[in-house]
Amino acid sequence: MTNKFMKIIGTSVLSISLITGAASAVSANGSTASTKGTEAVIVPMALQPSTLNWDLLNNTKADPSTSWTIQIGYPHINMYVKNTGTTAFRVEVKHNTKGTIIFNKTVAADGVGVNFINNDYNPLVPSGTYTVTVYGGTGVPKGQVIMKASDTPW
């Protein structure tokens, strides 16, 4: 009787220990990325201080552009794009002096945000100033472009 009782207590303690350990692991990893509504909230280890948050809702140009600088030590780039217009558009991110294009992506006009990642691979991401251009083609692009740089891969 005592032997059965000890086995039951041992099994119960082991189960509680496993459940506690699993809950700790989930809560420890829960802060790396989460969602807020329909937009992705990106929380890597260290972000570059300057983030591009470009709102194209009041845009009137067919091919608007802006500049953004990637600082040394932050070669991992996440580009979030949402197209709220009526026609697809293309986003190009090109290094001003080296001519390296780190993104050249077409985004459908469906109002759904999309993330594009370049973790300093194919092509490598040099630091410096970039021109971010949204090519609207026959339409005027509407939506949002958010660019973030990190010191760790996304």
Foldseek 3Di string as FASTA:
>chain_A
DVVVVVVVVVVVVVVVVVVVVVVVVCVVPVQQWDDDPQDTDHDHDDWDPDKDKDFCAVPDDQKDKDKDWFDPLFFKKKKKWFWQDDAKKWKWKAAPPPRDTPGTDIDGNPRHIDIDIDGCPDPGGDTTMIMIMIHNDPDRTGTIMMMITHNDYD
